[in-house]
Protein backbone atom coordinates (compact mmCIF):
# COMPACT_ATOMS: atom_id res chain seq x y z
CA MET A 1 5.32 -11.54 20.15
CA PRO A 2 2.05 -9.81 19.10
CA ILE A 3 -0.61 -12.46 19.60
CA PHE A 4 -2.97 -11.28 16.85
CA ALA A 5 -0.18 -11.23 14.24
CA PHE A 6 0.88 -14.73 15.23
CA MET A 7 -2.72 -16.02 15.05
CA VAL A 8 -3.19 -14.56 11.57
CA LEU A 9 -0.05 -16.34 10.35
CA VAL A 10 -1.03 -19.64 12.01
CA THR A 11 -4.57 -19.60 10.58
CA TRP A 12 -3.56 -18.69 7.03
CA PRO A 13 -3.65 -22.36 5.88
CA VAL A 14 -7.39 -22.29 6.64
CA VAL A 15 -7.72 -19.32 4.27
CA VAL A 16 -5.79 -21.28 1.66
CA ALA A 17 -8.15 -24.26 2.09
CA VAL A 18 -11.16 -22.00 1.54
CA LEU A 19 -9.57 -20.51 -1.58
CA PHE A 20 -9.04 -23.98 -3.04
CA GLN A 21 -12.66 -24.82 -2.26
CA ARG A 22 -13.98 -21.71 -4.01
CA MET A 23 -11.57 -21.38 -6.95
CA GLU A 24 -9.89 -23.48 -9.57
CA ARG A 25 -6.41 -24.63 -8.62
CA ALA A 26 -4.37 -22.13 -10.66
CA GLN A 27 -6.30 -19.17 -9.34
CA ALA A 28 -6.24 -20.53 -5.79
CA VAL A 29 -2.44 -20.93 -5.89
CA ILE A 30 -2.01 -17.35 -7.08
CA TRP A 31 -4.21 -15.81 -4.41
CA SER A 32 -2.90 -18.07 -1.64
CA ILE A 33 0.65 -16.84 -2.21
CA PHE A 34 -0.09 -13.29 -3.39
CA ALA A 35 -2.68 -12.42 -0.75
CA GLY A 36 -0.45 -13.94 1.93
CA TYR A 37 2.43 -11.79 0.77
CA LEU A 38 0.26 -8.67 0.80
CA LEU A 39 -1.54 -9.19 4.11
CA LEU A 40 0.45 -11.38 6.49
CA PRO A 41 2.64 -9.72 9.14
CA GLN A 42 6.35 -9.24 8.70
CA LEU A 43 8.94 -10.42 11.30
CA ILE A 44 6.58 -13.04 12.79
CA GLU A 45 7.61 -16.71 12.61
CA ILE A 46 6.15 -20.04 13.62
CA ASP A 47 8.87 -21.90 15.53
CA LEU A 48 8.44 -25.67 15.52
CA PRO A 49 10.74 -28.23 17.20
CA ALA A 50 13.55 -29.41 14.92
CA PHE A 51 12.21 -27.23 12.09
CA PRO A 52 13.24 -23.78 10.81
CA GLY A 53 11.00 -20.81 11.54
CA LEU A 54 8.11 -20.35 9.09
CA ASN A 55 7.34 -16.78 8.02
CA LYS A 56 4.96 -15.06 5.60
CA HIS A 57 7.08 -16.13 2.61
CA MET A 58 6.84 -19.82 3.51
CA VAL A 59 3.46 -20.49 5.14
CA PRO A 60 1.26 -19.57 2.11
CA ALA A 61 3.44 -21.50 -0.34
CA LEU A 62 3.61 -24.55 1.94
CA ALA A 63 -0.16 -24.57 2.47
CA ALA A 64 -0.77 -24.16 -1.27
CA ALA A 65 1.66 -26.99 -2.08
CA VAL A 66 -0.11 -29.31 0.36
CA MET A 67 -3.44 -28.49 -1.31
CA VAL A 68 -2.04 -29.03 -4.82
CA TYR A 69 -0.01 -32.20 -4.28
CA PHE A 70 -2.06 -33.98 -1.63
CA VAL A 71 -5.57 -32.67 -0.96
CA THR A 72 -6.79 -31.75 -4.46
CA LYS A 73 -4.58 -34.08 -6.49
CA GLU A 74 -7.61 -35.86 -7.98
CA ARG A 75 -8.40 -32.65 -9.88
CA ALA A 76 -5.05 -32.98 -11.66
CA ARG A 77 -6.45 -35.89 -13.69
CA SER A 78 -8.53 -33.42 -15.68
CA GLU A 79 -5.66 -30.95 -16.11
CA PRO A 80 -3.05 -31.20 -18.89
CA LEU A 81 0.49 -31.82 -17.72
CA PRO A 82 3.17 -29.16 -18.18
CA PRO A 83 6.13 -29.99 -20.45
CA PRO A 84 9.33 -31.33 -18.85
CA MET A 85 11.60 -28.72 -17.28
CA GLY A 86 14.69 -29.90 -19.10
CA ALA A 87 18.08 -31.14 -17.94
CA TRP A 88 19.54 -27.66 -17.43
CA VAL A 89 16.79 -26.58 -15.02
CA VAL A 90 17.04 -29.89 -13.16
CA LEU A 91 20.80 -29.28 -12.76
CA LEU A 92 20.19 -25.77 -11.38
CA LEU A 93 17.60 -27.11 -8.95
CA ALA A 94 20.07 -29.78 -7.80
CA MET A 95 22.66 -27.04 -7.25
CA ASN A 96 20.16 -25.06 -5.16
CA PHE A 97 19.44 -28.07 -2.99
CA ALA A 98 23.11 -29.03 -2.66
CA SER A 99 24.31 -25.52 -1.83
CA PRO A 100 23.24 -25.40 1.88
CA ILE A 101 24.80 -28.81 2.59
CA LEU A 102 28.08 -27.92 0.86
CA THR A 103 28.23 -24.64 2.76
CA ALA A 104 27.72 -26.44 6.07
CA LEU A 105 30.41 -29.01 5.27
CA THR A 106 32.98 -26.33 4.41
CA ASN A 107 32.38 -24.20 7.52
CA PRO A 108 33.12 -26.47 10.50
CA ASP A 109 35.02 -23.75 12.41
CA PRO A 110 33.54 -21.18 14.84
CA LEU A 111 34.49 -17.52 14.38
CA ILE A 112 35.73 -15.58 17.40
CA ASP A 113 36.37 -11.87 16.92
CA GLY A 114 36.77 -9.98 20.18
CA VAL A 115 33.49 -10.24 22.08
CA THR A 116 31.72 -11.66 19.03
CA TYR A 117 31.26 -15.42 18.73
CA ARG A 118 29.71 -16.99 15.63
CA PRO A 119 29.17 -20.75 15.85
CA ALA A 120 30.36 -23.33 13.37
CA MET A 121 28.00 -24.65 10.70
CA SER A 122 26.78 -28.17 11.40
CA ILE A 123 25.08 -30.77 9.25
CA SER A 124 21.82 -30.19 11.12
CA GLN A 125 22.05 -26.48 10.28
CA GLY A 126 22.72 -27.39 6.66
CA VAL A 127 19.61 -29.57 6.60
CA ALA A 128 17.57 -26.75 8.16
CA ASP A 129 18.85 -24.35 5.48
CA LEU A 130 17.96 -26.95 2.84
CA ILE A 131 14.39 -27.06 4.15
CA VAL A 132 14.21 -23.27 4.01
CA GLN A 133 15.58 -23.29 0.46
CA THR A 134 12.94 -25.83 -0.59
CA LEU A 135 10.13 -23.81 0.96
CA LEU A 136 11.32 -20.64 -0.76
CA LEU A 137 11.36 -22.42 -4.14
CA LEU A 138 7.82 -23.81 -3.76
CA PRO A 139 6.24 -20.86 -5.64
CA PHE A 140 8.56 -21.65 -8.57
CA PHE A 141 7.31 -25.25 -8.73
CA LEU A 142 3.67 -24.22 -8.29
CA GLY A 143 3.96 -21.56 -10.98
CA TYR A 144 5.50 -24.06 -13.39
CA LYS A 145 2.92 -26.74 -12.65
CA LEU A 146 -0.25 -24.64 -12.87
CA LEU A 147 0.59 -21.43 -14.79
CA TRP A 148 2.53 -22.95 -17.69
CA ASN A 149 -0.01 -22.09 -20.41
CA ALA A 150 -1.22 -18.82 -21.90
CA ARG A 151 -4.24 -18.68 -19.64
CA GLY A 152 -2.08 -19.18 -16.55
CA ALA A 153 0.28 -16.37 -17.55
CA GLN A 154 -2.61 -14.00 -18.19
CA LEU A 155 -4.29 -15.06 -14.94
CA TRP A 156 -1.12 -14.23 -13.00
CA ALA A 157 -0.74 -10.84 -14.70
CA ARG A 158 -4.40 -9.94 -14.09
CA SER A 159 -4.27 -11.09 -10.47
CA LEU A 160 -1.13 -9.04 -9.87
CA LEU A 161 -2.83 -6.00 -11.38
CA LEU A 162 -6.02 -6.49 -9.36
CA GLY A 163 -4.17 -7.12 -6.10
CA VAL A 164 -2.02 -4.01 -6.45
CA LEU A 165 -5.04 -1.89 -7.43
CA CYS A 166 -6.72 -2.91 -4.17
CA TYR A 167 -3.44 -2.35 -2.29
CA THR A 168 -3.27 1.25 -3.49
CA VAL A 169 -6.06 2.13 -1.05
CA PRO A 170 -3.95 1.53 2.09
CA MET A 171 -0.95 2.91 0.21
CA LEU A 172 -2.73 6.23 -0.36
CA ILE A 173 -3.83 6.29 3.29
CA GLU A 174 -0.20 5.93 4.37
CA LEU A 175 0.95 8.56 1.90
CA ARG A 176 -1.44 11.01 3.54
CA MET A 177 -1.37 9.94 7.21
CA SER A 178 2.10 8.31 7.51
CA PRO A 179 2.86 4.55 7.47
CA GLN A 180 0.83 3.30 10.42
CA ILE A 181 -1.39 0.51 9.07
CA ASN A 182 0.86 -2.30 10.31
CA VAL A 183 0.79 -0.65 13.76
CA TRP A 184 -3.01 -0.29 13.69
CA VAL A 185 -3.59 -3.89 12.62
CA TYR A 186 -0.73 -5.89 14.16
CA GLY A 187 0.48 -3.57 16.92
CA PHE A 188 4.10 -3.02 15.79
CA PHE A 189 6.12 -1.32 13.05
CA GLN A 190 8.11 -3.72 10.90
CA HIS A 191 11.06 -1.53 9.88
CA ASP A 192 12.95 1.69 10.55
CA PHE A 193 10.41 4.53 10.32
CA VAL A 194 13.08 6.90 8.97
CA GLN A 195 13.21 4.79 5.80
CA THR A 196 9.61 5.78 5.01
CA ILE A 197 10.36 9.53 4.97
CA ARG A 198 11.40 10.96 1.60
CA TYR A 199 11.25 14.38 -0.06
CA GLY A 200 9.16 16.01 2.65
CA GLY A 201 6.57 13.24 2.70
CA TYR A 202 6.09 9.52 3.28
CA ARG A 203 6.53 6.31 1.33
CA PRO A 204 3.95 3.54 1.83
CA ILE A 205 5.00 0.24 3.36
CA VAL A 206 1.63 -1.28 4.49
CA PHE A 207 2.45 -4.91 5.48
CA LEU A 208 5.59 -5.45 3.37
CA GLU A 209 9.28 -5.46 4.30
CA HIS A 210 10.23 -1.98 3.13
CA PRO A 211 8.84 0.88 0.99
CA LEU A 212 11.15 -0.22 -1.84
CA TRP A 213 9.40 -3.60 -1.96
CA VAL A 214 6.06 -1.80 -2.33
CA ALA A 215 7.43 0.38 -5.12
CA LEU A 216 8.86 -2.61 -7.02
CA MET A 217 5.57 -4.52 -6.82
CA THR A 218 3.64 -1.45 -7.99
CA MET A 219 6.02 -1.02 -10.91
CA THR A 220 5.47 -4.62 -12.06
CA ALA A 221 1.68 -4.14 -11.85
CA PHE A 222 2.10 -0.97 -13.91
CA LEU A 223 3.82 -2.99 -16.65
CA ALA A 224 0.97 -5.51 -16.57
CA ALA A 225 -1.55 -2.67 -16.89
CA ILE A 226 0.27 -1.33 -19.97
CA ALA A 227 0.24 -4.79 -21.56
CA PHE A 228 -3.52 -5.14 -21.09
CA ALA A 229 -4.10 -1.58 -22.32
CA ARG A 230 -2.05 -2.40 -25.42
CA ASN A 231 -4.04 -5.56 -26.14
CA GLU A 232 -7.39 -3.92 -25.35
CA PRO A 233 -7.05 -0.12 -25.59
CA THR A 234 -10.30 0.66 -23.79
CA ARG A 235 -10.76 3.78 -21.68
CA ARG A 236 -10.81 1.72 -18.48
CA ASN A 237 -7.54 -0.08 -19.23
CA ILE A 238 -5.79 3.15 -20.19
CA LEU A 239 -6.99 4.92 -17.06
CA ILE A 240 -5.76 2.02 -14.90
CA ALA A 241 -2.30 2.26 -16.47
CA VAL A 242 -2.20 6.05 -15.95
CA TYR A 243 -3.39 5.66 -12.36
CA LEU A 244 -0.67 3.12 -11.55
CA ALA A 245 1.93 5.36 -13.18
CA CYS A 246 0.93 8.07 -10.70
CA ILE A 247 1.15 5.58 -7.81
CA VAL A 248 4.66 4.53 -8.89
CA PHE A 249 5.67 8.20 -8.83
CA LEU A 250 4.10 8.70 -5.39
CA CYS A 251 6.11 5.74 -4.02
CA LYS A 252 9.16 8.04 -4.21
CA SER A 253 11.58 5.28 -5.19
CA ALA A 254 14.25 6.28 -7.70
CA GLY A 255 14.84 2.64 -8.63
CA ALA A 256 11.20 1.94 -9.45
CA LEU A 257 10.97 5.16 -11.47
CA VAL A 258 14.07 4.32 -13.51
CA GLN A 259 12.83 0.77 -14.10
CA SER A 260 9.45 2.12 -15.22
CA LEU A 261 11.14 4.49 -17.67
CA MET A 262 13.18 1.58 -19.03
CA ALA A 263 10.42 -1.01 -19.35
CA ALA A 264 7.15 0.89 -19.89
CA PRO A 265 7.98 2.15 -23.44
CA LEU A 266 8.98 -1.37 -24.44
CA VAL A 267 5.73 -2.89 -23.17
CA ALA A 268 3.70 -0.15 -24.86
CA LEU A 269 5.45 0.00 -28.25
CA ALA A 270 8.00 -2.74 -28.90
CA ARG A 271 7.42 -6.05 -30.63
CA PRO A 272 7.11 -8.97 -28.19
CA ARG A 273 10.42 -10.50 -29.21
CA MET A 274 12.16 -7.16 -28.71
CA MET A 275 10.65 -6.96 -25.23
CA VAL A 276 12.05 -10.37 -24.33
CA LEU A 277 15.44 -9.51 -25.88
CA ALA A 278 15.64 -6.37 -23.73
CA ALA A 279 14.63 -8.42 -20.67
CA ALA A 280 17.37 -10.96 -21.45
CA LEU A 281 20.02 -8.22 -21.73
CA VAL A 282 18.97 -6.57 -18.46
CA ALA A 283 18.77 -9.87 -16.59
CA THR A 284 22.13 -11.06 -17.94
CA ALA A 285 23.73 -7.78 -16.86
CA ALA A 286 22.18 -8.19 -13.40
CA VAL A 287 23.61 -11.70 -13.04
CA SER A 288 27.01 -10.50 -14.30
CA TYR A 289 27.11 -7.48 -11.97
CA PRO A 290 29.68 -8.94 -9.51
CA THR A 291 32.09 -9.31 -12.45
CA LEU A 292 31.11 -6.14 -14.32
CA ARG A 293 31.65 -3.92 -11.27
CA THR A 294 35.39 -4.68 -11.44
CA THR A 295 35.70 -3.63 -15.11
CA PRO A 296 35.70 -0.22 -16.86
CA TRP A 297 32.32 -1.15 -18.35
CA MET A 298 30.71 -0.35 -14.99
CA PRO A 299 31.76 3.28 -14.20
CA LEU A 300 30.71 3.22 -10.55
CA GLN A 301 32.30 6.56 -9.70
CA GLY A 302 30.54 8.19 -12.64
CA ILE A 303 27.22 6.77 -11.42
CA VAL A 304 27.90 8.15 -7.94
CA ASN A 305 28.74 11.59 -9.39
CA LEU A 306 25.52 11.57 -11.41
CA ALA A 307 23.52 10.65 -8.32
CA MET A 308 25.25 13.44 -6.37
CA SER A 309 24.28 15.98 -9.02
CA ILE A 310 20.63 14.89 -8.78
CA SER A 311 20.43 14.57 -4.99
CA PRO A 312 23.42 14.84 -2.62
CA GLU A 313 21.56 12.73 -0.06
CA ARG A 314 20.89 9.92 -2.54
CA GLY A 315 24.44 10.21 -3.89
CA ARG A 316 25.98 9.76 -0.45
CA SER A 317 23.67 6.81 0.20
CA LEU A 318 24.79 5.17 -3.06
CA GLU A 319 28.45 5.82 -2.26
CA PHE A 320 28.04 4.19 1.16
CA ARG A 321 26.37 1.17 -0.43
CA LEU A 322 29.21 0.72 -2.92
CA MET A 323 31.89 0.99 -0.22
CA ASN A 324 29.96 -1.48 1.90
CA GLU A 325 29.64 -3.88 -1.04
CA GLU A 326 33.41 -3.72 -1.60
CA GLU A 327 34.13 -4.74 1.99
CA LEU A 328 31.56 -7.54 1.97
CA LEU A 329 32.82 -8.83 -1.38
CA GLU A 330 36.38 -8.98 -0.04
CA ARG A 331 35.06 -10.94 2.94
CA ALA A 332 33.13 -13.31 0.67
CA MET A 333 36.20 -13.98 -1.48
CA GLU A 334 37.96 -15.46 1.55
CA ARG A 335 35.67 -18.48 1.01
CA PRO A 336 34.55 -18.01 -2.58
CA ALA A 337 33.22 -21.45 -3.50
CA PHE A 338 30.47 -22.12 -0.97
CA GLY A 339 30.47 -19.01 1.24
CA TRP A 340 30.47 -18.51 5.00
CA GLY A 341 27.00 -19.81 5.85
CA GLY A 342 24.57 -18.28 8.34
CA TRP A 343 24.82 -16.74 11.82
CA GLY A 344 26.20 -13.54 10.29
CA ARG A 345 29.51 -15.25 9.51
CA SER A 346 29.95 -13.27 6.26
CA LEU A 347 29.50 -9.89 7.99
CA PHE A 348 31.75 -7.58 9.99
CA TYR A 349 31.22 -6.87 13.69
CA ASP A 350 32.97 -4.46 16.02
CA PRO A 351 35.34 -6.64 18.11
CA TYR A 352 34.86 -4.45 21.19
CA ASN A 353 31.09 -3.98 21.47
CA GLY A 354 29.84 -6.70 19.11
CA ARG A 355 27.77 -4.32 17.00
CA LEU A 356 27.22 -4.96 13.30
CA THR A 357 29.43 -2.64 11.22
CA SER A 358 28.46 -3.86 7.73
CA VAL A 359 24.97 -3.71 6.24
CA PRO A 360 24.24 -6.13 3.36
CA ASP A 361 21.66 -4.50 1.09
CA GLY A 362 21.88 -6.21 -2.30
CA GLN A 363 20.70 -9.78 -2.71
CA TRP A 364 23.77 -10.60 -4.80
CA VAL A 365 26.27 -9.77 -2.06
CA ILE A 366 24.14 -11.58 0.54
CA LEU A 367 24.09 -14.73 -1.60
CA ILE A 368 27.80 -14.67 -2.41
CA GLY A 369 28.67 -14.10 1.24
CA ALA A 370 26.41 -16.82 2.60
CA ARG A 371 26.44 -19.42 -0.22
CA GLY A 372 29.48 -18.50 -2.29
CA ILE A 373 29.72 -18.35 -6.05
CA PHE A 374 28.13 -21.81 -6.30
CA GLY A 375 24.98 -20.77 -4.43
CA TYR A 376 24.84 -17.39 -6.18
CA LEU A 377 24.90 -18.96 -9.65
CA ALA A 378 22.39 -21.63 -8.61
CA GLN A 379 19.75 -19.06 -7.68
CA LEU A 380 20.42 -16.28 -10.20
CA LEU A 381 20.77 -18.61 -13.18
CA LEU A 382 17.49 -20.25 -12.18
CA LEU A 383 15.88 -16.81 -12.48
CA LEU A 384 17.68 -15.98 -15.72
CA THR A 385 16.88 -19.25 -17.49
CA PRO A 386 13.12 -18.60 -18.03
CA ILE A 387 13.87 -15.33 -19.83
CA LEU A 388 16.51 -16.87 -22.08
CA ALA A 389 14.27 -19.88 -22.73
CA LEU A 390 11.41 -17.58 -23.72
CA LEU A 391 13.70 -15.60 -26.03
CA ARG A 392 14.68 -18.83 -27.73
CA ALA A 393 11.05 -19.94 -28.07
CA MET A 394 9.50 -16.59 -28.99
CA PRO A 395 8.32 -16.42 -32.64
CA GLY A 396 9.81 -13.57 -34.66
CA GLY A 397 8.34 -11.21 -37.23
CA ARG A 398 6.30 -8.03 -37.00
CA HIS A 399 3.05 -9.97 -36.69
CA PRO A 400 3.70 -13.06 -34.57
CA PRO A 401 0.86 -15.54 -34.06
CA ARG A 402 -1.27 -14.89 -30.97
CA LYS A 403 0.25 -11.46 -30.53
CA ALA A 404 -1.83 -10.61 -27.44
CA GLU A 405 -0.45 -13.67 -25.64
CA MET A 406 3.10 -12.75 -26.67
CA VAL A 407 2.66 -9.19 -25.38
CA VAL A 408 1.65 -10.52 -21.96
CA LEU A 409 4.59 -12.94 -21.89
CA GLY A 410 6.95 -10.16 -22.97
CA ALA A 411 5.65 -7.95 -20.16
CA ILE A 412 6.10 -10.76 -17.61
CA SER A 413 9.68 -11.29 -18.80
CA LEU A 414 10.37 -7.59 -18.26
CA MET A 415 8.80 -7.78 -14.78
CA LEU A 416 11.20 -10.57 -13.87
CA ALA A 417 14.17 -8.78 -15.45
CA MET A 418 13.45 -5.56 -13.55
CA ASN A 419 13.13 -7.54 -10.33
CA MET A 420 16.52 -9.13 -11.03
CA LEU A 421 18.00 -5.69 -11.70
CA ASP A 422 16.62 -4.55 -8.35
CA LEU A 423 18.50 -7.40 -6.66
CA ILE A 424 21.70 -5.39 -7.15
CA PRO A 425 20.84 -2.64 -4.63
CA ASN A 426 18.10 -4.46 -2.68
CA ALA A 427 17.20 -7.94 -1.39
CA THR A 428 13.84 -7.96 -3.19
CA MET A 429 13.68 -11.69 -3.91
CA THR A 430 10.13 -12.60 -2.85
CA PRO A 431 7.60 -15.41 -3.48
CA LEU A 432 6.26 -13.27 -6.33
CA THR A 433 9.69 -13.40 -7.98
CA TRP A 434 9.72 -17.20 -7.96
CA LEU A 435 6.06 -17.51 -8.99
CA THR A 436 6.78 -15.27 -11.99
CA ALA A 437 9.88 -17.30 -12.92
CA GLY A 438 7.99 -20.59 -12.73
CA ALA A 439 5.10 -19.35 -14.88
CA LEU A 440 7.49 -17.87 -17.43
CA LEU A 441 9.59 -21.03 -17.66
CA GLY A 442 6.50 -23.18 -18.17
CA ASN A 443 5.29 -20.99 -21.02
CA ALA A 444 8.74 -20.92 -22.59
CA ARG A 445 8.94 -24.72 -22.54
CA ARG A 446 5.41 -24.96 -23.94
CA LEU A 447 6.25 -22.69 -26.88
CA ARG A 448 9.61 -24.36 -27.51
CA GLN A 449 8.23 -27.90 -27.55
CA GLY A 450 5.02 -27.00 -29.36
CA VAL A 451 2.81 -28.41 -26.59
CA SER A 452 -0.85 -27.75 -27.25
CA ASP A 453 -2.41 -25.09 -25.05
CA PRO A 454 -5.69 -26.27 -23.46
CA ALA A 455 -7.29 -23.05 -24.74
CA ASP A 456 -6.64 -24.21 -28.31
CA LEU A 457 -8.74 -27.36 -27.92
CA PRO A 458 -12.33 -27.45 -29.17
CA ALA A 459 -14.87 -26.95 -26.43
CA ALA A 460 -16.05 -30.55 -26.74
CA GLN A 461 -12.54 -31.85 -25.99
CA ARG A 462 -11.94 -29.78 -22.88
CA ILE A 463 -12.47 -31.65 -19.65
CA LEU A 464 -13.59 -29.22 -17.01
CA PRO A 465 -12.84 -30.15 -13.40
CA LYS A 466 -15.77 -30.62 -11.12
CA LYS A 467 -16.22 -28.05 -8.41
CA ALA A 468 -14.64 -29.33 -5.24
CA GLY A 469 -16.87 -29.86 -2.27
CA LEU A 470 -16.00 -29.20 1.32
CA ARG A 471 -14.93 -32.81 1.94
CA THR A 472 -12.32 -32.51 -0.82
CA VAL A 473 -10.61 -29.65 0.92
CA LEU A 474 -10.93 -30.17 4.68
């Protein structure tokens, strides 16, 4: 294991503590999780006794949660409380927490296929998976708790935009000199280098999982830039949006380009409610994809033929993905309720040499295979609910009150919807996905219940938190 990469991951909680000392809690939560996602090394884990491995998706969120719920909890007295989540969200959360245990209970048998042995699922493994599930959902809870008002939503959108703008510097370096920054900094390359080569050039990866993850994040920042340019059409804001549009193009990801073409005109021109309606339709279609792909409404062969006409290489790649999905879906339907569990039990291996013969790409087929329909619905409906809740709470009319706020919320709903759409071909469910969902749900509940936004209070009634000293944090 590269020592420097491991030390950076281990010491990240110290960075989080400093952020909470220097910033207000909402801003500190955002940068703790976002900066950790951008900068921490991939493939490195902290292995503790009787505890699942902690990676870059878990360490920042866990450190931020400790700061919010334990170290800086006295600051919460001066902060307004978010509205209740509601019974439906509580039910979905209970399903998410129950899913790993139910999967473990229904998979007590080992799998032996030639030279391949996959162990049975035990209760201890189910508890470990439950801990992992809780850690992965921490950004959702933090986003709901601290970003539930208009200021929190705008703070998240601005931070996303600023972070990606800074990230474009190493991205441009990799576009010109090949993806080597992770090697220069941490001493290893985190993926298959062939995946970074496209159309006679390179795709940036920097410190993330894959170039497609970089492209998706850049696309969401591009939507945020359009929203701010729409609310404040200054030369600077317009130039930032144009610059990020060029970066999205340079990422050489067909998915990100198509998503930009779908969402960017809506953010720039549509009414806020229309933006949220479009986001709800896209997200609902993404959740329904496992069912839609078996109906004439989803002409998969026609999509493959279209891709072949544009690029034979991309068309063959898409055809391979669809054939692979079909095999994995058939495997998943052997245990449809709660799935096969971990240890690669939902995948296919060569019985003679033990090599993996199936490659799960889309998050949906990974979830159905590992957690079954129950676990799939628990996670995907938890992502869909904030968009539907915002659609229900969004005021109508051509001139809704606080239009600038509604434009930002509409853009965030489209960011989440495009991320959910990307879960069909890719496993791009990240801490940013859950942070966005939590912030969006909090704002939807605030609008629906008519909870007063702290920004609406007179200045004399606002209680500003005192700046935390060093003793508060460490």
